[in-house]
Amino acid sequence: MGGYAAVVLAGGAARRMGGADKPTLPVGGQSMLTRVLAAVHDADPRIVVGPVPPDLPVPVHSTREQPPGGGPVAATSAGLALVPDDVTFTALLAADLPLLTGEAIDVLRLTAESAPMQGAVYRDAEGRRQMLCGVWRTQALRDAVRRLGEERGHLHGASVRELMDHLRVAEVSWRRPGPPPWFDCDTDDDLRTAEEWAR
């Protein structure tokens, strides 16, 4: 596999968790953001869209969508602006995936490189695409963001589902034992579940 970049979206407000800065919440003794960045330790560059805590233990590039709070597609666009043109693949990830692993990323990368599609995402047991746990051909992702922006006139408030309408995606099932790598933490209960798994 060649090199790849990682864009981690860390800007959403955790309304269901009392507005907490969700990516900084700890699971297994490390912030969720740190855990996601560890899963893409071999990505270059690693880009965080959203606030980066000063004590983050790994070097990252950081940026924000303008204006902040524009949603995941606007944030994706801001992140992609920092990905060099010669990087073929980009992982696009939420920052609240504390159980993500390098192995799970490798599966997506191999699928994205071998499938005649523009990217690969996990599909859960209910058949839902986990759209912020995927690896994409960088140029295809850029083109999709551009086309959606042209359609809507702007990206502010655009949903990831709207973006996916412009992309051909391979869906990957996770058949290994243990927690699914796309498990995200939207509530305090989710956080407790992740903590148990992380142990």
C-alpha atoms as a PDB file:
ATOM      1  CA  MET A   1       0.000   0.000   0.000  1.00  0.00           C
ATOM      2  CA  GLY A   2       1.219   3.471  -0.788  1.00  0.00           C
ATOM      3  CA  GLY A   3       1.037   6.463   1.511  1.00  0.00           C
ATOM      4  CA  TYR A   4      -2.194   8.057   2.613  1.00  0.00           C
ATOM      5  CA  ALA A   5      -3.461  11.087   4.507  1.00  0.00           C
ATOM      6  CA  ALA A   6      -5.965  11.203   7.369  1.00  0.00           C
ATOM      7  CA  VAL A   7      -8.575  13.908   7.956  1.00  0.00           C
ATOM      8  CA  VAL A   8     -10.181  13.676  11.409  1.00  0.00           C
ATOM      9  CA  LEU A   9     -13.340  15.703  12.035  1.00  0.00           C
ATOM     10  CA  ALA A  10     -13.288  16.989  15.614  1.00  0.00           C
ATOM     11  CA  GLY A  11     -15.502  20.059  15.513  1.00  0.00           C
ATOM     12  CA  GLY A  12     -19.032  18.893  16.308  1.00  0.00           C
ATOM     13  CA  ALA A  13     -20.783  19.996  19.487  1.00  0.00           C
ATOM     14  CA  ALA A  14     -21.759  17.038  21.675  1.00  0.00           C
ATOM     15  CA  ARG A  15     -25.300  18.177  22.379  1.00  0.00           C
ATOM     16  CA  ARG A  16     -26.286  14.832  23.899  1.00  0.00           C
ATOM     17  CA  MET A  17     -23.353  14.978  26.321  1.00  0.00           C
ATOM     18  CA  GLY A  18     -24.014  18.431  27.718  1.00  0.00           C
ATOM     19  CA  GLY A  19     -21.944  20.173  25.032  1.00  0.00           C
ATOM     20  CA  ALA A  20     -18.718  18.464  26.102  1.00  0.00           C
ATOM     21  CA  ASP A  21     -15.677  18.767  23.824  1.00  0.00           C
ATOM     22  CA  LYS A  22     -16.241  15.158  22.860  1.00  0.00           C
ATOM     23  CA  PRO A  23     -12.897  14.256  21.178  1.00  0.00           C
ATOM     24  CA  THR A  24     -11.000  15.179  24.366  1.00  0.00           C
ATOM     25  CA  LEU A  25     -13.025  12.791  26.569  1.00  0.00           C
ATOM     26  CA  PRO A  26     -10.906   9.855  27.757  1.00  0.00           C
ATOM     27  CA  VAL A  27     -11.431   6.179  26.976  1.00  0.00           C
ATOM     28  CA  GLY A  28      -8.944   3.729  28.423  1.00  0.00           C
ATOM     29  CA  GLY A  29      -6.792   6.572  29.711  1.00  0.00           C
ATOM     30  CA  GLN A  30      -6.430   8.369  26.357  1.00  0.00           C
ATOM     31  CA  SER A  31      -8.605  10.956  24.666  1.00  0.00           C
ATOM     32  CA  MET A  32     -10.784   9.674  21.835  1.00  0.00           C
ATOM     33  CA  LEU A  33      -8.923  11.971  19.440  1.00  0.00           C
ATOM     34  CA  THR A  34      -5.569  10.507  20.502  1.00  0.00           C
ATOM     35  CA  ARG A  35      -6.910   6.993  19.960  1.00  0.00           C
ATOM     36  CA  VAL A  36      -8.164   7.805  16.453  1.00  0.00           C
ATOM     37  CA  LEU A  37      -4.830   9.411  15.562  1.00  0.00           C
ATOM     38  CA  ALA A  38      -3.019   6.287  16.850  1.00  0.00           C
ATOM     39  CA  ALA A  39      -5.068   4.142  14.443  1.00  0.00           C
ATOM     40  CA  VAL A  40      -3.704   6.255  11.538  1.00  0.00           C
ATOM     41  CA  HIS A  41      -0.169   6.576  12.940  1.00  0.00           C
ATOM     42  CA  ASP A  42       1.288   5.860   9.484  1.00  0.00           C
ATOM     43  CA  ALA A  43      -0.775   8.535   7.677  1.00  0.00           C
ATOM     44  CA  ASP A  44       1.060  11.621   6.400  1.00  0.00           C
ATOM     45  CA  PRO A  45      -0.213  14.211   6.900  1.00  0.00           C
ATOM     46  CA  ARG A  46      -2.620  13.758   9.809  1.00  0.00           C
ATOM     47  CA  ILE A  47      -5.069  16.653   9.810  1.00  0.00           C
ATOM     48  CA  VAL A  48      -7.510  17.527  12.595  1.00  0.00           C
ATOM     49  CA  VAL A  49     -10.421  19.785  11.667  1.00  0.00           C
ATOM     50  CA  GLY A  50     -11.523  21.401  14.898  1.00  0.00           C
ATOM     51  CA  PRO A  51      -9.923  22.446  18.173  1.00  0.00           C
ATOM     52  CA  VAL A  52      -6.688  20.633  19.013  1.00  0.00           C
ATOM     53  CA  PRO A  53      -5.856  20.350  22.727  1.00  0.00           C
ATOM     54  CA  PRO A  54      -2.437  21.774  23.618  1.00  0.00           C
ATOM     55  CA  ASP A  55      -1.393  18.515  25.287  1.00  0.00           C
ATOM     56  CA  LEU A  56      -2.120  16.311  22.237  1.00  0.00           C
ATOM     57  CA  PRO A  57       0.746  13.770  22.327  1.00  0.00           C
ATOM     58  CA  VAL A  58       1.222  13.533  18.543  1.00  0.00           C
ATOM     59  CA  PRO A  59       2.029  16.192  15.928  1.00  0.00           C
ATOM     60  CA  VAL A  60      -0.878  17.076  13.639  1.00  0.00           C
ATOM     61  CA  HIS A  61      -1.880  19.782  11.210  1.00  0.00           C
ATOM     62  CA  SER A  62      -4.989  21.581  12.385  1.00  0.00           C
ATOM     63  CA  THR A  63      -7.560  23.714  10.613  1.00  0.00           C
ATOM     64  CA  ARG A  64     -11.181  24.861  10.968  1.00  0.00           C
ATOM     65  CA  GLU A  65     -13.982  25.265   8.457  1.00  0.00           C
ATOM     66  CA  GLN A  66     -15.018  28.913   7.967  1.00  0.00           C
ATOM     67  CA  PRO A  67     -17.251  29.852   9.606  1.00  0.00           C
ATOM     68  CA  PRO A  68     -16.823  27.229  12.363  1.00  0.00           C
ATOM     69  CA  GLY A  69     -19.827  25.016  12.991  1.00  0.00           C
ATOM     70  CA  GLY A  70     -20.448  24.485   9.283  1.00  0.00           C
ATOM     71  CA  GLY A  71     -20.914  20.755   9.652  1.00  0.00           C
ATOM     72  CA  PRO A  72     -19.026  17.689   8.480  1.00  0.00           C
ATOM     73  CA  VAL A  73     -18.851  18.431   4.742  1.00  0.00           C
ATOM     74  CA  ALA A  74     -17.552  21.970   5.251  1.00  0.00           C
ATOM     75  CA  ALA A  75     -15.032  20.488   7.699  1.00  0.00           C
ATOM     76  CA  THR A  76     -14.056  17.811   5.159  1.00  0.00           C
ATOM     77  CA  SER A  77     -13.419  20.520   2.579  1.00  0.00           C
ATOM     78  CA  ALA A  78     -11.183  22.426   5.028  1.00  0.00           C
ATOM     79  CA  GLY A  79      -9.246  19.259   5.845  1.00  0.00           C
ATOM     80  CA  LEU A  80      -8.770  18.290   2.199  1.00  0.00           C
ATOM     81  CA  ALA A  81      -7.256  21.703   1.521  1.00  0.00           C
ATOM     82  CA  LEU A  82      -4.235  20.571   3.577  1.00  0.00           C
ATOM     83  CA  VAL A  83      -3.829  17.208   1.797  1.00  0.00           C
ATOM     84  CA  PRO A  84      -1.043  17.402  -0.830  1.00  0.00           C
ATOM     85  CA  ASP A  85      -2.114  16.772  -4.426  1.00  0.00           C
ATOM     86  CA  ASP A  86       0.136  13.719  -4.764  1.00  0.00           C
ATOM     87  CA  VAL A  87      -1.560  11.801  -1.920  1.00  0.00           C
ATOM     88  CA  THR A  88      -3.765   9.175  -3.600  1.00  0.00           C
ATOM     89  CA  PHE A  89      -5.876   8.059  -0.620  1.00  0.00           C
ATOM     90  CA  THR A  90      -7.365   9.900   2.359  1.00  0.00           C
ATOM     91  CA  ALA A  91      -8.983   8.377   5.451  1.00  0.00           C
ATOM     92  CA  LEU A  92     -11.976  10.479   6.535  1.00  0.00           C
ATOM     93  CA  LEU A  93     -12.806   9.802  10.164  1.00  0.00           C
ATOM     94  CA  ALA A  94     -14.904  11.100  13.025  1.00  0.00           C
ATOM     95  CA  ALA A  95     -12.891  11.996  16.141  1.00  0.00           C
ATOM     96  CA  ASP A  96     -15.173  10.000  18.466  1.00  0.00           C
ATOM     97  CA  LEU A  97     -14.210   6.450  17.370  1.00  0.00           C
ATOM     98  CA  PRO A  98     -12.255   5.269  20.425  1.00  0.00           C
ATOM     99  CA  LEU A  99     -12.196   1.609  19.308  1.00  0.00           C
ATOM    100  CA  LEU A 100     -10.764   2.260  15.845  1.00  0.00           C
ATOM    101  CA  THR A 101      -7.591   0.266  15.115  1.00  0.00           C
ATOM    102  CA  GLY A 102      -4.822   0.323  12.566  1.00  0.00           C
ATOM    103  CA  GLU A 103      -6.011  -3.083  11.381  1.00  0.00           C
ATOM    104  CA  ALA A 104      -9.494  -1.704  10.669  1.00  0.00           C
ATOM    105  CA  ILE A 105      -7.948   1.140   8.651  1.00  0.00           C
ATOM    106  CA  ASP A 106      -5.767  -1.315   6.713  1.00  0.00           C
ATOM    107  CA  VAL A 107      -8.859  -3.313   5.697  1.00  0.00           C
ATOM    108  CA  LEU A 108     -10.477  -0.128   4.346  1.00  0.00           C
ATOM    109  CA  ARG A 109      -7.291   0.897   2.537  1.00  0.00           C
ATOM    110  CA  LEU A 110      -6.880  -2.487   0.857  1.00  0.00           C
ATOM    111  CA  THR A 111     -10.539  -2.396  -0.203  1.00  0.00           C
ATOM    112  CA  ALA A 112     -10.276   1.168  -1.539  1.00  0.00           C
ATOM    113  CA  GLU A 113      -7.150   0.279  -3.509  1.00  0.00           C
ATOM    114  CA  SER A 114      -8.522  -2.940  -5.020  1.00  0.00           C
ATOM    115  CA  ALA A 115     -12.237  -2.210  -5.561  1.00  0.00           C
ATOM    116  CA  PRO A 116     -13.359  -0.330  -8.702  1.00  0.00           C
ATOM    117  CA  MET A 117     -14.937   2.268  -6.451  1.00  0.00           C
ATOM    118  CA  GLN A 118     -14.014   5.720  -5.145  1.00  0.00           C
ATOM    119  CA  GLY A 119     -13.788   4.692  -1.511  1.00  0.00           C
ATOM    120  CA  ALA A 120     -14.608   2.132   1.153  1.00  0.00           C
ATOM    121  CA  VAL A 121     -16.621   2.453   4.370  1.00  0.00           C
ATOM    122  CA  TYR A 122     -17.796   0.016   7.011  1.00  0.00           C
ATOM    123  CA  ARG A 123     -21.404  -1.185   6.983  1.00  0.00           C
ATOM    124  CA  ASP A 124     -22.910  -2.117  10.329  1.00  0.00           C
ATOM    125  CA  ALA A 125     -25.087  -5.131  11.144  1.00  0.00           C
ATOM    126  CA  GLU A 126     -28.221  -3.099  10.376  1.00  0.00           C
ATOM    127  CA  GLY A 127     -26.902  -2.283   6.906  1.00  0.00           C
ATOM    128  CA  ARG A 128     -26.065   1.359   7.634  1.00  0.00           C
ATOM    129  CA  ARG A 129     -22.968   2.866   6.073  1.00  0.00           C
ATOM    130  CA  GLN A 130     -20.568   4.283   8.646  1.00  0.00           C
ATOM    131  CA  MET A 131     -19.688   7.225   6.479  1.00  0.00           C
ATOM    132  CA  LEU A 132     -17.161   8.842   8.814  1.00  0.00           C
ATOM    133  CA  CYS A 133     -15.135   5.637   9.040  1.00  0.00           C
ATOM    134  CA  GLY A 134     -13.815   5.338   5.502  1.00  0.00           C
ATOM    135  CA  VAL A 135     -10.888   5.614   3.098  1.00  0.00           C
ATOM    136  CA  TRP A 136     -11.299   7.503  -0.194  1.00  0.00           C
ATOM    137  CA  ARG A 137      -9.475   8.268  -3.402  1.00  0.00           C
ATOM    138  CA  THR A 138      -8.443  11.814  -2.536  1.00  0.00           C
ATOM    139  CA  GLN A 139      -9.321  13.335  -5.909  1.00  0.00           C
ATOM    140  CA  ALA A 140     -12.750  11.683  -6.004  1.00  0.00           C
ATOM    141  CA  LEU A 141     -13.514  13.043  -2.533  1.00  0.00           C
ATOM    142  CA  ARG A 142     -12.365  16.535  -3.583  1.00  0.00           C
ATOM    143  CA  ASP A 143     -14.513  16.375  -6.725  1.00  0.00           C
ATOM    144  CA  ALA A 144     -17.584  15.251  -4.765  1.00  0.00           C
ATOM    145  CA  VAL A 145     -17.171  18.112  -2.264  1.00  0.00           C
ATOM    146  CA  ARG A 146     -16.790  20.592  -5.137  1.00  0.00           C
ATOM    147  CA  ARG A 147     -19.876  19.297  -6.990  1.00  0.00           C
ATOM    148  CA  LEU A 148     -22.008  19.401  -3.832  1.00  0.00           C
ATOM    149  CA  GLY A 149     -20.833  22.962  -3.159  1.00  0.00           C
ATOM    150  CA  GLU A 150     -21.794  23.975  -6.693  1.00  0.00           C
ATOM    151  CA  GLU A 151     -25.219  22.330  -6.329  1.00  0.00           C
ATOM    152  CA  ARG A 152     -26.046  23.959  -3.004  1.00  0.00           C
ATOM    153  CA  GLY A 153     -24.172  27.228  -3.530  1.00  0.00           C
ATOM    154  CA  HIS A 154     -22.278  26.588  -0.266  1.00  0.00           C
ATOM    155  CA  LEU A 155     -21.252  23.718   2.004  1.00  0.00           C
ATOM    156  CA  HIS A 156     -22.489  25.144   5.307  1.00  0.00           C
ATOM    157  CA  GLY A 157     -24.878  22.649   6.895  1.00  0.00           C
ATOM    158  CA  ALA A 158     -24.447  20.006   4.159  1.00  0.00           C
ATOM    159  CA  SER A 159     -24.751  16.420   5.393  1.00  0.00           C
ATOM    160  CA  VAL A 160     -22.367  13.542   4.793  1.00  0.00           C
ATOM    161  CA  ARG A 161     -25.292  11.673   3.223  1.00  0.00           C
ATOM    162  CA  GLU A 162     -25.597  14.394   0.556  1.00  0.00           C
ATOM    163  CA  LEU A 163     -21.869  14.070  -0.111  1.00  0.00           C
ATOM    164  CA  MET A 164     -22.121  10.279  -0.458  1.00  0.00           C
ATOM    165  CA  ASP A 165     -24.666  10.713  -3.256  1.00  0.00           C
ATOM    166  CA  HIS A 166     -21.716  11.896  -5.377  1.00  0.00           C
ATOM    167  CA  LEU A 167     -19.436   8.937  -4.568  1.00  0.00           C
ATOM    168  CA  ARG A 168     -19.316   5.255  -5.500  1.00  0.00           C
ATOM    169  CA  VAL A 169     -18.491   3.390  -2.326  1.00  0.00           C
ATOM    170  CA  ALA A 170     -17.548  -0.179  -1.454  1.00  0.00           C
ATOM    171  CA  GLU A 171     -19.184  -1.390   1.764  1.00  0.00           C
ATOM    172  CA  VAL A 172     -17.072  -3.486   4.141  1.00  0.00           C
ATOM    173  CA  SER A 173     -18.406  -5.803   6.845  1.00  0.00           C
ATOM    174  CA  TRP A 174     -16.408  -6.330  10.052  1.00  0.00           C
ATOM    175  CA  ARG A 175     -16.520 -10.022  10.911  1.00  0.00           C
ATOM    176  CA  ARG A 176     -13.905 -10.209  13.620  1.00  0.00           C
ATOM    177  CA  PRO A 177     -14.761 -10.728  17.292  1.00  0.00           C
ATOM    178  CA  GLY A 178     -14.786  -7.734  19.568  1.00  0.00           C
ATOM    179  CA  PRO A 179     -16.130  -4.223  19.226  1.00  0.00           C
ATOM    180  CA  PRO A 180     -16.880  -2.729  15.812  1.00  0.00           C
ATOM    181  CA  PRO A 181     -14.243  -0.150  14.825  1.00  0.00           C
ATOM    182  CA  TRP A 182     -16.910   2.412  13.900  1.00  0.00           C
ATOM    183  CA  PHE A 183     -18.453   2.459  17.397  1.00  0.00           C
ATOM    184  CA  ASP A 184     -18.946   6.157  18.145  1.00  0.00           C
ATOM    185  CA  CYS A 185     -19.694   7.849  21.423  1.00  0.00           C
ATOM    186  CA  ASP A 186     -22.786  10.038  21.253  1.00  0.00           C
ATOM    187  CA  THR A 187     -23.994   9.561  24.839  1.00  0.00           C
ATOM    188  CA  ASP A 188     -22.557   8.962  28.292  1.00  0.00           C
ATOM    189  CA  ASP A 189     -23.758   5.339  28.005  1.00  0.00           C
ATOM    190  CA  ASP A 190     -21.737   4.917  24.787  1.00  0.00           C
ATOM    191  CA  LEU A 191     -18.692   6.244  26.613  1.00  0.00           C
ATOM    192  CA  ARG A 192     -19.131   3.701  29.411  1.00  0.00           C
ATOM    193  CA  THR A 193     -19.513   0.871  26.856  1.00  0.00           C
ATOM    194  CA  ALA A 194     -16.340   1.971  25.043  1.00  0.00           C
ATOM    195  CA  GLU A 195     -14.492   2.112  28.362  1.00  0.00           C
ATOM    196  CA  GLU A 196     -15.443  -1.493  29.122  1.00  0.00           C
ATOM    197  CA  TRP A 197     -14.331  -2.638  25.664  1.00  0.00           C
ATOM    198  CA  ALA A 198     -11.091  -0.673  25.874  1.00  0.00           C
ATOM    199  CA  ARG A 199     -10.164  -2.520  29.054  1.00  0.00           C
END
